[in-house]
């Protein structure tokens, strides 16, 4: 059986590609021209050049493929033009999945995000039936991923066999860029994180997320979504665990949310004047104001997803970053 993976050059996408190969699948990957393919170099995959926003190139890439894993997206805290998020994430999803519908693809796994579930606090864990509640943050990545998921489910109702997966805060080996979660760990290991804004996060190993994608394609119910997460913890708890694993002291000072928001406004204003990317966009700080805790039992019970202890994941991640030169010790 042949599978097409979009977004294979990304952190999660490359992990899904590797997992498919381990499962004995024939894999084709769709990459944009001039894409950085470092994460998939050396893998036994059929590489085709195209764009998820181009209907004809999607049709061509899907030819002969029974399954589509759609992971391609613009993942960022900020972009010079907010329309970039909607062009890639919403229009790209619509075009790619319409092509899959036209080609009669047997199964589609659409990679959404935990943000589309919404953040509902520690007293009411987010589930697959929770309603999105993050419009107020003004975060265009979050809004675009929510709208993209709505597009995916709408096309599913037109007859496309599709399941949605919602990864939480993903960490793991192979985070070459690295992602926002990976940068947080690298900054911690470099002792560049003296302060923090405490918030609630759900941490999951990228290898578990990759297996979750495969299981969703095999066992997922059409039209359903599945949270791919693991353990809920505060950043303070995460940093303490990182300190135990790495031997690096955790940040000592917690910054109140209000102070962080004021600093973000200042940072964004300075960045606008200097015509550069803000280090801490206001929308990102607003996203951090809620406890992002989730119930992951549906994927465990219905898909049979097994989860790696967070300590084990952190041990692997710290070792990988150190071995690959991201930190000196």
Protein backbone atom coordinates (compact mmCIF):
# COMPACT_ATOMS: atom_id res chain seq x y z
CA UNK A 1 0.00 0.00 0.00
CA UNK A 2 1.26 3.47 -0.87
CA UNK A 3 0.77 6.57 1.26
CA UNK A 4 1.28 10.23 0.40
CA UNK A 5 2.61 12.51 3.13
CA UNK A 6 2.40 16.29 2.87
CA UNK A 7 4.55 18.27 5.28
CA UNK A 8 7.06 15.41 5.48
CA UNK A 9 9.97 17.83 5.89
CA UNK A 10 8.56 19.09 9.19
CA UNK A 11 9.18 17.72 12.68
CA UNK A 12 6.01 15.63 13.00
CA UNK A 13 5.80 14.92 9.27
CA UNK A 14 9.27 13.37 9.14
CA UNK A 15 8.43 11.22 12.17
CA UNK A 16 5.22 10.03 10.50
CA UNK A 17 7.15 9.25 7.32
CA UNK A 18 9.67 7.18 9.25
CA UNK A 19 6.89 5.34 11.12
CA UNK A 20 5.15 4.49 7.83
CA UNK A 21 8.38 3.05 6.46
CA UNK A 22 8.83 0.97 9.62
CA UNK A 23 5.32 -0.37 9.09
CA UNK A 24 6.28 -1.56 5.60
CA UNK A 25 4.38 1.10 3.67
CA UNK A 26 5.53 2.55 0.36
CA UNK A 27 5.77 6.29 0.92
CA UNK A 28 5.58 9.27 -1.42
CA UNK A 29 6.23 12.75 -0.05
CA UNK A 30 5.09 16.03 -1.55
CA UNK A 31 7.59 18.85 -1.08
CA UNK A 32 7.68 22.40 -2.35
CA UNK A 33 10.43 23.50 -4.68
CA UNK A 34 13.53 24.54 -2.73
CA UNK A 35 12.26 22.89 0.48
CA UNK A 36 14.84 21.92 3.09
CA UNK A 37 14.67 18.12 2.99
CA UNK A 38 17.28 17.48 5.69
CA UNK A 39 14.82 15.62 7.92
CA UNK A 40 13.98 13.04 5.24
CA UNK A 41 17.31 12.76 3.44
CA UNK A 42 18.36 9.14 3.16
CA UNK A 43 14.86 7.74 3.65
CA UNK A 44 13.50 5.35 1.02
CA UNK A 45 10.71 7.62 -0.19
CA UNK A 46 9.43 8.83 -3.55
CA UNK A 47 9.88 12.61 -3.55
CA UNK A 48 7.60 14.67 -5.79
CA UNK A 49 7.66 18.45 -6.08
CA UNK A 50 4.37 20.28 -5.79
CA UNK A 51 2.18 22.46 -3.61
CA UNK A 52 -0.90 21.63 -1.56
CA UNK A 53 -2.50 24.81 -2.92
CA UNK A 54 -2.23 23.54 -6.49
CA UNK A 55 -5.07 21.15 -7.35
CA UNK A 56 -3.33 19.53 -10.30
CA UNK A 57 -0.07 18.87 -8.45
CA UNK A 58 -2.06 17.34 -5.57
CA UNK A 59 -3.93 15.08 -7.98
CA UNK A 60 -0.67 13.99 -9.57
CA UNK A 61 0.93 13.31 -6.19
CA UNK A 62 -2.09 11.30 -5.03
CA UNK A 63 -2.10 9.06 -8.10
CA UNK A 64 -1.64 5.45 -6.95
CA UNK A 65 -1.81 6.36 -3.24
CA UNK A 66 -4.43 4.73 -1.05
CA UNK A 67 -3.85 6.93 2.00
CA UNK A 68 -3.09 10.62 2.50
CA UNK A 69 -1.45 11.98 5.63
CA UNK A 70 -1.98 15.72 5.39
CA UNK A 71 0.46 17.48 7.71
CA UNK A 72 1.57 20.45 5.60
CA UNK A 73 0.88 23.77 7.32
CA UNK A 74 2.41 27.10 8.20
CA UNK A 75 3.37 26.64 11.84
CA UNK A 76 4.59 29.91 13.34
CA UNK A 77 3.90 32.39 16.12
CA UNK A 78 3.95 35.30 13.69
CA UNK A 79 4.08 36.11 9.98
CA UNK A 80 4.63 39.46 8.20
CA UNK A 81 1.24 39.07 6.55
CA UNK A 82 -1.49 37.25 8.45
CA UNK A 83 -3.03 36.04 5.19
CA UNK A 84 -0.09 33.63 4.87
CA UNK A 85 -1.64 31.48 7.61
CA UNK A 86 -5.02 31.26 5.89
CA UNK A 87 -3.52 30.72 2.45
CA UNK A 88 -1.43 27.76 3.59
CA UNK A 89 -3.57 26.27 6.32
CA UNK A 90 -7.14 26.86 5.15
CA UNK A 91 -6.92 27.18 1.36
CA UNK A 92 -4.15 24.58 1.23
CA UNK A 93 -6.21 22.11 3.22
CA UNK A 94 -9.31 22.71 1.09
CA UNK A 95 -7.40 22.18 -2.15
CA UNK A 96 -5.50 19.10 -0.96
CA UNK A 97 -8.59 17.38 0.41
CA UNK A 98 -10.78 18.27 -2.57
CA UNK A 99 -8.12 16.61 -4.72
CA UNK A 100 -8.21 13.54 -2.45
CA UNK A 101 -12.00 13.42 -2.80
CA UNK A 102 -11.73 13.66 -6.59
CA UNK A 103 -9.06 10.94 -6.71
CA UNK A 104 -11.09 8.54 -4.52
CA UNK A 105 -8.45 8.33 -1.78
CA UNK A 106 -9.35 5.47 0.56
CA UNK A 107 -8.39 7.21 3.82
CA UNK A 108 -7.15 10.63 4.88
CA UNK A 109 -5.56 11.52 8.21
CA UNK A 110 -5.73 15.28 8.66
CA UNK A 111 -3.25 16.70 11.16
CA UNK A 112 -4.93 19.50 13.07
CA UNK A 113 -3.72 20.83 16.42
CA UNK A 114 -4.62 20.79 20.08
CA UNK A 115 -5.47 24.49 19.78
CA UNK A 116 -8.63 23.63 17.82
CA UNK A 117 -9.93 21.84 20.91
CA UNK A 118 -9.60 25.05 22.91
CA UNK A 119 -8.11 25.57 26.37
CA UNK A 120 -10.61 24.79 29.11
CA UNK A 121 -8.53 24.71 32.31
CA UNK A 122 -7.56 22.01 34.81
CA UNK A 123 -11.09 21.57 36.17
CA UNK A 124 -12.54 20.76 32.75
CA UNK A 125 -10.10 18.82 30.61
CA UNK A 126 -10.42 19.41 26.89
CA UNK A 127 -11.86 16.49 24.95
CA UNK A 128 -12.65 15.78 21.33
CA UNK A 129 -16.15 17.19 21.87
CA UNK A 130 -14.95 20.46 23.45
CA UNK A 131 -15.73 23.71 21.66
CA UNK A 132 -13.05 26.04 20.32
CA UNK A 133 -12.68 29.08 22.60
CA UNK A 134 -9.50 30.88 21.54
CA UNK A 135 -10.79 33.56 19.18
CA UNK A 136 -9.92 36.22 21.76
CA UNK A 137 -6.18 35.55 21.53
CA UNK A 138 -5.93 37.05 18.04
CA UNK A 139 -3.49 34.28 17.12
CA UNK A 140 -3.75 33.71 13.37
CA UNK A 141 -2.07 30.31 13.42
CA UNK A 142 -4.67 29.11 15.92
CA UNK A 143 -7.59 30.61 14.01
CA UNK A 144 -6.37 29.23 10.69
CA UNK A 145 -5.91 25.71 12.08
CA UNK A 146 -9.43 25.79 13.49
CA UNK A 147 -10.87 26.92 10.16
CA UNK A 148 -8.78 24.30 8.37
CA UNK A 149 -10.23 21.58 10.58
CA UNK A 150 -13.74 22.79 9.80
CA UNK A 151 -12.88 22.57 6.08
CA UNK A 152 -11.59 19.03 6.54
CA UNK A 153 -14.72 17.87 8.34
CA UNK A 154 -16.92 19.58 5.77
CA UNK A 155 -15.21 17.72 2.92
CA UNK A 156 -15.51 14.53 4.97
CA UNK A 157 -19.28 15.05 4.97
CA UNK A 158 -19.09 15.26 1.17
CA UNK A 159 -17.84 11.69 1.14
CA UNK A 160 -14.10 11.80 1.85
CA UNK A 161 -13.13 9.12 4.41
CA UNK A 162 -11.20 11.24 6.87
CA UNK A 163 -10.14 11.29 10.50
CA UNK A 164 -8.61 14.22 12.39
CA UNK A 165 -5.73 14.01 14.84
CA UNK A 166 -4.93 16.83 17.28
CA UNK A 167 -1.34 16.68 18.56
CA UNK A 168 -0.57 18.44 21.85
CA UNK A 169 2.83 19.98 22.73
CA UNK A 170 5.14 17.67 20.83
CA UNK A 171 8.77 17.13 21.78
CA UNK A 172 11.26 14.50 20.73
CA UNK A 173 14.37 13.54 18.83
CA UNK A 174 14.82 14.86 15.31
CA UNK A 175 13.60 18.39 16.04
CA UNK A 176 16.22 19.87 13.73
CA UNK A 177 14.84 23.42 13.29
CA UNK A 178 13.81 23.31 16.22
CA UNK A 179 10.10 23.91 16.92
CA UNK A 180 8.82 26.30 19.62
CA UNK A 181 8.76 23.45 22.17
CA UNK A 182 12.23 22.37 21.10
CA UNK A 183 13.59 25.92 21.36
CA UNK A 184 12.20 26.15 24.87
CA UNK A 185 14.22 23.08 25.85
CA UNK A 186 17.35 24.30 24.06
CA UNK A 187 17.07 27.69 25.80
CA UNK A 188 16.67 25.87 29.11
CA UNK A 189 19.79 23.77 28.47
CA UNK A 190 21.74 26.87 27.42
CA UNK A 191 20.64 28.57 30.65
CA UNK A 192 18.89 31.28 28.66
CA UNK A 193 15.59 30.95 30.46
CA UNK A 194 15.97 32.82 33.77
CA UNK A 195 12.24 33.60 34.03
CA UNK A 196 9.02 32.00 32.86
CA UNK A 197 5.26 32.49 32.74
CA UNK A 198 3.70 29.48 34.40
CA UNK A 199 1.03 27.79 32.37
CA UNK A 200 -0.43 24.36 31.85
CA UNK A 201 0.73 22.21 28.94
CA UNK A 202 0.20 18.68 27.67
CA UNK A 203 3.49 17.06 26.65
CA UNK A 204 3.78 14.13 24.24
CA UNK A 205 6.61 12.30 22.49
CA UNK A 206 6.84 12.82 18.72
CA UNK A 207 7.26 9.07 18.22
CA UNK A 208 3.95 8.47 20.02
CA UNK A 209 2.32 11.12 17.84
CA UNK A 210 3.68 9.44 14.71
CA UNK A 211 2.27 6.07 15.81
CA UNK A 212 -1.00 7.82 16.60
CA UNK A 213 -1.22 8.97 12.99
CA UNK A 214 -0.76 5.43 11.70
CA UNK A 215 -3.28 4.02 14.18
CA UNK A 216 -5.79 6.73 13.24
CA UNK A 217 -5.51 5.70 9.62
CA UNK A 218 -6.02 2.07 10.54
CA UNK A 219 -8.58 2.20 13.35
CA UNK A 220 -9.98 5.72 13.45
CA UNK A 221 -13.68 6.29 12.86
CA UNK A 222 -14.45 8.44 9.84
CA UNK A 223 -15.45 11.97 10.86
CA UNK A 224 -13.95 11.66 14.36
CA UNK A 225 -11.02 13.49 15.89
CA UNK A 226 -8.43 12.12 18.29
CA UNK A 227 -6.25 14.04 20.75
CA UNK A 228 -2.65 12.82 20.56
CA UNK A 229 -1.28 13.90 23.90
CA UNK A 230 0.06 12.47 27.12
CA UNK A 231 0.70 14.18 30.47
CA UNK A 232 -0.73 17.45 31.77
CA UNK A 233 1.75 19.55 33.75
CA UNK A 234 2.62 23.12 34.57
CA UNK A 235 5.74 24.65 33.07
CA UNK A 236 7.17 24.77 36.57
CA UNK A 237 6.73 20.99 36.85
CA UNK A 238 8.20 20.48 33.39
CA UNK A 239 11.26 22.59 34.18
CA UNK A 240 11.83 20.75 37.45
CA UNK A 241 11.76 17.44 35.57
CA UNK A 242 14.09 18.85 32.93
CA UNK A 243 16.45 19.95 35.70
CA UNK A 244 16.51 16.42 37.15
CA UNK A 245 17.19 14.90 33.74
CA UNK A 246 19.76 17.42 32.53
CA UNK A 247 21.51 18.66 35.67
CA UNK A 248 20.71 22.26 34.70
CA UNK A 249 19.07 24.46 37.33
CA UNK A 250 15.48 25.45 36.53
CA UNK A 251 14.39 29.09 36.11
CA UNK A 252 14.03 30.80 39.49
CA UNK A 253 11.54 33.55 38.76
CA UNK A 254 7.96 33.33 37.59
CA UNK A 255 6.69 36.38 35.72
CA UNK A 256 3.03 37.33 36.32
CA UNK A 257 0.88 37.10 33.21
CA UNK A 258 0.06 40.84 33.27
CA UNK A 259 3.75 41.76 33.23
CA UNK A 260 4.43 39.33 30.39
CA UNK A 261 1.59 40.85 28.37
CA UNK A 262 2.94 44.39 28.83
CA UNK A 263 6.41 43.20 27.78
CA UNK A 264 4.95 41.49 24.71
CA UNK A 265 3.19 44.68 23.63
CA UNK A 266 6.48 46.55 23.98
CA UNK A 267 8.37 43.85 22.09
CA UNK A 268 5.86 43.87 19.26
CA UNK A 269 5.93 47.65 18.99
CA UNK A 270 9.73 47.72 18.81
CA UNK A 271 9.72 44.94 16.22
CA UNK A 272 7.21 46.85 14.09
CA UNK A 273 9.37 49.96 14.09
CA UNK A 274 12.51 47.93 13.36
CA UNK A 275 10.72 45.89 10.66
CA UNK A 276 11.67 42.60 12.24
CA UNK A 277 9.96 39.56 13.71
CA UNK A 278 8.80 40.05 17.34
CA UNK A 279 10.42 37.61 19.75
CA UNK A 280 7.29 37.36 21.89
CA UNK A 281 4.10 38.25 19.96
CA UNK A 282 1.16 39.45 22.04
CA UNK A 283 -1.03 36.63 20.72
CA UNK A 284 1.46 34.04 22.00
CA UNK A 285 1.35 35.48 25.51
CA UNK A 286 -2.45 35.52 25.39
CA UNK A 287 -2.35 31.84 24.41
CA UNK A 288 -0.26 31.21 27.53
CA UNK A 289 -2.93 32.67 29.81
CA UNK A 290 -4.95 29.43 29.88
CA UNK A 291 -4.24 25.96 31.19
CA UNK A 292 -3.97 23.70 28.15
CA UNK A 293 -4.96 20.43 29.80
CA UNK A 294 -6.56 17.54 27.92
CA UNK A 295 -8.11 14.11 28.30
CA UNK A 296 -6.20 11.75 26.00
CA UNK A 297 -8.18 8.59 26.77
CA UNK A 298 -10.02 8.39 23.45
CA UNK A 299 -6.86 7.77 21.42
CA UNK A 300 -5.62 5.32 24.05
CA UNK A 301 -8.87 3.36 24.25
CA UNK A 302 -10.07 3.47 20.64
CA UNK A 303 -6.80 3.49 18.73
CA UNK A 304 -4.68 1.51 21.16
CA UNK A 305 -2.09 4.30 21.43
CA UNK A 306 0.64 3.62 23.99
CA UNK A 307 2.42 6.56 25.58
CA UNK A 308 6.03 7.13 26.58
CA UNK A 309 6.63 8.52 30.10
CA UNK A 310 7.52 12.21 29.86
CA UNK A 311 10.73 11.67 31.84
CA UNK A 312 11.87 9.10 29.28
CA UNK A 313 11.05 11.49 26.44
CA UNK A 314 12.97 14.31 28.09
CA UNK A 315 16.00 12.07 28.61
CA UNK A 316 15.99 11.26 24.89
CA UNK A 317 15.47 14.89 23.87
CA UNK A 318 18.20 16.29 26.11
CA UNK A 319 20.62 13.64 24.88
CA UNK A 320 19.74 14.31 21.23
CA UNK A 321 20.16 18.08 21.49
CA UNK A 322 23.49 17.67 23.23
CA UNK A 323 24.78 15.02 20.82
CA UNK A 324 23.81 17.12 17.83
CA UNK A 325 25.53 20.33 18.93
CA UNK A 326 22.55 22.44 19.98
CA UNK A 327 24.11 22.86 23.44
CA UNK A 328 27.67 22.54 24.63
CA UNK A 329 27.05 20.30 27.61
